Protein backbone atom coordinates (compact mmCIF):
# COMPACT_ATOMS: atom_id res chain seq x y z
CA MET A 1 -2.96 1.46 3.80
CA SER A 2 -5.86 -0.72 2.63
CA ASN A 3 -8.07 -2.56 5.13
CA THR A 4 -8.60 -5.47 2.75
CA THR A 5 -6.76 -8.76 2.96
CA PRO A 6 -4.88 -9.95 -0.15
CA GLY A 7 -7.32 -10.97 -2.87
CA GLN A 8 -10.34 -9.57 -1.01
CA ARG A 9 -12.68 -7.48 -3.17
CA ARG A 10 -13.83 -4.04 -2.05
CA PRO A 11 -16.98 -2.56 -3.67
CA LEU A 12 -17.29 1.09 -4.69
CA LEU A 13 -20.06 3.04 -6.45
CA LEU A 14 -18.72 6.16 -8.18
CA THR A 15 -20.14 8.92 -10.39
CA TRP A 16 -18.34 11.41 -12.64
CA GLN A 17 -19.90 14.54 -14.12
CA GLY A 18 -18.73 15.95 -17.42
CA VAL A 19 -16.91 19.30 -17.39
CA GLY A 20 -18.22 21.64 -20.05
CA ALA A 21 -20.55 18.92 -21.33
CA PRO A 22 -23.74 17.49 -19.74
CA ARG A 23 -22.47 13.90 -19.43
CA LEU A 24 -22.75 11.52 -16.50
CA GLU A 25 -20.80 8.32 -15.92
CA SER A 26 -21.53 5.96 -13.05
CA ALA A 27 -19.77 2.69 -12.24
CA ARG A 28 -19.77 -0.03 -9.63
CA LEU A 29 -16.25 -1.30 -9.00
CA LEU A 30 -14.85 -4.32 -7.23
CA LEU A 31 -11.21 -3.65 -6.32
CA SER A 32 -8.51 -5.85 -4.87
CA ASP A 33 -4.98 -5.02 -3.71
CA ASN A 34 -3.39 -7.20 -6.40
CA ARG A 35 -4.54 -4.85 -9.22
CA ARG A 36 -7.57 -6.97 -10.07
CA LEU A 37 -10.62 -4.90 -10.95
CA ARG A 38 -14.16 -5.47 -12.15
CA ALA A 39 -16.34 -2.56 -13.23
CA ALA A 40 -19.86 -2.20 -14.60
CA GLY A 41 -20.75 1.31 -15.70
CA ARG A 42 -23.02 3.55 -17.72
CA MET A 43 -22.50 6.78 -19.66
CA ILE A 44 -25.42 9.10 -20.45
CA ALA A 45 -24.95 11.94 -22.92
CA PRO A 46 -27.79 14.22 -24.13
CA ARG A 47 -27.94 15.74 -27.59
CA THR A 48 -25.62 18.69 -28.22
CA ARG A 49 -24.83 20.85 -31.24
CA GLU A 50 -21.88 18.59 -32.01
CA ALA A 51 -23.27 15.13 -31.26
CA GLU A 52 -26.41 13.04 -31.00
CA ALA A 53 -27.78 11.79 -27.69
CA PHE A 54 -26.69 8.34 -26.57
CA ASN A 55 -26.29 6.09 -23.61
CA ALA A 56 -23.68 3.39 -23.29
CA THR A 57 -22.89 0.64 -20.82
CA TYR A 58 -19.63 -1.18 -20.18
CA ASP A 59 -18.39 -4.18 -18.27
CA VAL A 60 -14.64 -4.60 -17.83
CA THR A 61 -12.59 -7.28 -16.10
CA VAL A 62 -8.92 -6.78 -15.20
CA GLY A 63 -6.68 -9.62 -14.02
CA GLU A 64 -4.39 -9.65 -10.99
CA ASN A 65 -1.47 -8.42 -13.14
CA GLY A 66 -3.47 -5.32 -14.10
CA VAL A 67 -3.97 -6.36 -17.73
CA VAL A 68 -7.47 -6.14 -19.21
CA LYS A 69 -9.04 -9.56 -19.77
CA ARG A 70 -12.52 -8.72 -21.07
CA VAL A 71 -14.55 -5.68 -22.08
CA PHE A 72 -18.17 -5.56 -23.21
CA LEU A 73 -19.68 -2.35 -24.62
CA HIS A 74 -23.25 -1.57 -25.61
CA SER A 75 -24.41 1.78 -27.01
CA ILE A 76 -27.83 3.11 -27.96
CA THR A 77 -28.89 6.17 -29.95
CA ALA A 78 -32.39 7.06 -31.14
CA GLU A 79 -31.73 5.19 -34.37
CA VAL A 80 -29.12 2.50 -33.72
CA GLU A 81 -28.13 -0.08 -31.12
CA ARG A 82 -24.58 -1.45 -31.19
CA GLN A 83 -22.45 -3.85 -29.19
CA LEU A 84 -18.78 -4.77 -29.05
CA SER A 85 -16.79 -7.20 -26.96
CA PHE A 86 -13.09 -7.77 -26.43
CA SER A 87 -11.30 -10.64 -24.75
CA ARG A 88 -7.52 -10.93 -24.33
CA SER A 89 -5.63 -14.22 -24.19
CA GLU A 90 -2.55 -14.95 -22.08
CA ASP A 91 -0.33 -14.68 -25.19
CA GLY A 92 -1.50 -11.11 -25.88
CA PHE A 93 -3.99 -11.71 -28.70
CA TRP A 94 -7.40 -10.07 -28.64
CA LEU A 95 -10.70 -11.43 -29.93
CA MET A 96 -13.02 -8.60 -31.02
CA ASP A 97 -16.67 -9.42 -31.69
CA ARG A 98 -19.55 -7.21 -32.84
CA GLY A 99 -22.03 -10.06 -32.71
CA GLN A 100 -21.11 -11.36 -36.14
CA GLY A 101 -18.14 -13.56 -35.27
CA ALA A 102 -14.85 -12.83 -33.53
CA GLN A 103 -11.79 -11.35 -35.21
CA ARG A 104 -8.30 -12.08 -33.84
CA THR A 105 -5.83 -9.20 -33.54
CA GLN A 106 -2.86 -8.04 -31.44
CA PHE A 107 -3.79 -4.33 -31.31
CA ASP A 108 -0.04 -3.58 -31.52
CA GLY A 109 0.50 -5.23 -28.14
CA ALA A 110 -2.07 -3.13 -26.27
CA ALA A 111 -2.81 -4.19 -22.69
CA GLU A 112 -5.71 -1.75 -22.23
CA VAL A 113 -8.86 -0.49 -23.88
CA ASP A 114 -9.87 3.18 -23.65
CA VAL A 115 -13.43 4.38 -24.27
CA GLN A 116 -14.20 7.94 -25.35
CA HIS A 117 -15.58 10.14 -22.51
CA CYS A 118 -15.42 7.25 -19.96
CA VAL A 119 -12.79 8.25 -17.40
CA LEU A 120 -12.90 4.89 -15.61
CA PHE A 121 -10.74 3.52 -18.42
CA ASN A 122 -7.95 6.02 -17.64
CA THR A 123 -7.67 4.28 -14.29
CA LEU A 124 -6.62 0.98 -15.90
CA PRO A 125 -3.05 1.84 -17.02
CA VAL A 126 -2.47 3.89 -13.86
CA ARG A 127 -3.27 0.87 -11.67
CA ARG A 128 -1.43 -1.66 -13.86
CA LEU A 129 1.75 0.43 -13.87
CA GLN A 130 1.27 1.66 -10.26
CA LEU A 131 1.90 5.24 -11.37
CA HIS A 132 -0.03 6.53 -8.35
CA GLN A 133 2.42 4.83 -6.00
CA GLU A 134 5.82 5.13 -7.68
CA ALA A 135 7.03 7.61 -10.29
CA GLY A 136 7.19 6.35 -13.86
CA GLU A 137 6.51 7.21 -17.49
CA HIS A 138 5.14 4.88 -20.17
CA ASP A 139 4.20 5.31 -23.83
CA LEU A 140 1.47 2.78 -24.56
CA PRO A 141 -0.54 1.41 -27.47
CA ILE A 142 -4.23 1.55 -26.57
CA ALA A 143 -7.31 0.11 -28.30
CA TYR A 144 -9.41 3.28 -28.39
CA VAL A 145 -13.19 2.99 -28.82
CA SER A 146 -15.31 5.95 -29.97
CA LEU A 147 -18.84 6.56 -28.68
CA PRO A 148 -21.54 6.02 -29.73
CA ASP A 149 -20.40 4.30 -32.96
CA LEU A 150 -17.98 1.85 -31.23
CA THR A 151 -15.32 2.24 -33.90
CA VAL A 152 -11.86 1.05 -32.79
CA GLU A 153 -8.42 2.45 -33.57
CA ILE A 154 -4.98 2.09 -32.03
CA LYS A 155 -3.71 5.24 -30.33
CA ARG A 156 -0.43 5.99 -28.57
CA GLN A 157 -1.00 7.39 -25.09
CA THR A 158 1.61 8.49 -22.57
CA TYR A 159 1.07 8.28 -18.81
CA ARG A 160 3.64 10.02 -16.57
CA THR A 161 3.64 10.46 -12.80
CA VAL A 162 3.66 14.13 -11.79
CA SER A 163 3.38 13.67 -8.01
CA VAL A 164 2.67 10.93 -5.47
CA GLY A 165 0.74 11.75 -2.29
CA ASP A 166 -0.84 9.96 0.67
CA SER A 167 -4.45 10.49 -0.44
CA THR A 168 -4.18 11.65 -4.05
CA SER A 169 -1.58 11.55 -6.80
CA VAL A 170 -1.30 13.32 -10.15
CA VAL A 171 -0.60 11.54 -13.43
CA ASN A 172 -0.14 13.37 -16.71
CA TYR A 173 -1.97 11.93 -19.71
CA SER A 174 -1.00 12.94 -23.25
CA SER A 175 -2.05 11.78 -26.72
CA GLU A 176 -2.06 13.36 -30.17
CA GLY A 177 -1.21 16.86 -28.93
CA PHE A 178 -3.62 16.77 -25.96
CA SER A 179 -2.23 16.78 -22.41
CA SER A 180 -3.88 16.87 -18.98
CA ASP A 181 -2.84 16.33 -15.36
CA ILE A 182 -5.29 13.79 -13.92
CA THR A 183 -5.79 13.53 -10.16
CA VAL A 184 -6.31 9.97 -8.87
CA ASP A 185 -6.99 8.62 -5.41
CA ARG A 186 -4.92 6.10 -3.44
CA ASP A 187 -6.48 3.27 -5.50
CA GLY A 188 -5.55 4.93 -8.80
CA ILE A 189 -9.19 5.85 -9.51
CA VAL A 190 -9.74 9.09 -11.41
CA VAL A 191 -10.98 11.90 -9.14
CA ASP A 192 -10.53 14.91 -11.43
CA TYR A 193 -9.78 14.95 -15.16
CA PRO A 194 -9.56 18.65 -16.06
CA GLU A 195 -11.85 19.74 -18.90
CA ILE A 196 -13.30 16.20 -19.13
CA ALA A 197 -14.96 15.01 -15.88
CA ARG A 198 -14.74 14.99 -12.11
CA GLN A 199 -16.08 12.76 -9.36
CA ILE A 200 -19.22 14.00 -7.59
């Protein structure tokens, strides 16, 4: 049971550490009981054999119905700096802008954005669909953003409740042959994403 009154915002500062990869993600969240969420976060990833070093920041705003309203992304490598913003209208259209003028698209009806490596974004469909509170299964179109290049593609992702508990719940995530049971807390925030990241 939350101690907040309806509409009241509750601040959190959370950090996730990459599993099998030296990544760190940290975010400040403002949560409310009506599914509204605001998050400002940062991802830091050093150079590896497979990828160049980068850091990225994000700012995401979710409305009281759990649908994403705005996302701003900024990534930096040694050579390139990029930015990308999304805003979603009430009629389901998205405006995507890389700083050179906005493009209007529906993203196949997507209500969420997912960002590579950033586990905060897995929280968004869980909270919108309340999968941490009541069993359900949903196949969703998602606007998926790769880091650090900020390319965007539409991916189908399935979220399915595995178990609901008093303090933590488990939600299965699957997409393109990959599947993982993600542990979330009573707010739907990712605690442990096996092989990807865990809260520290």
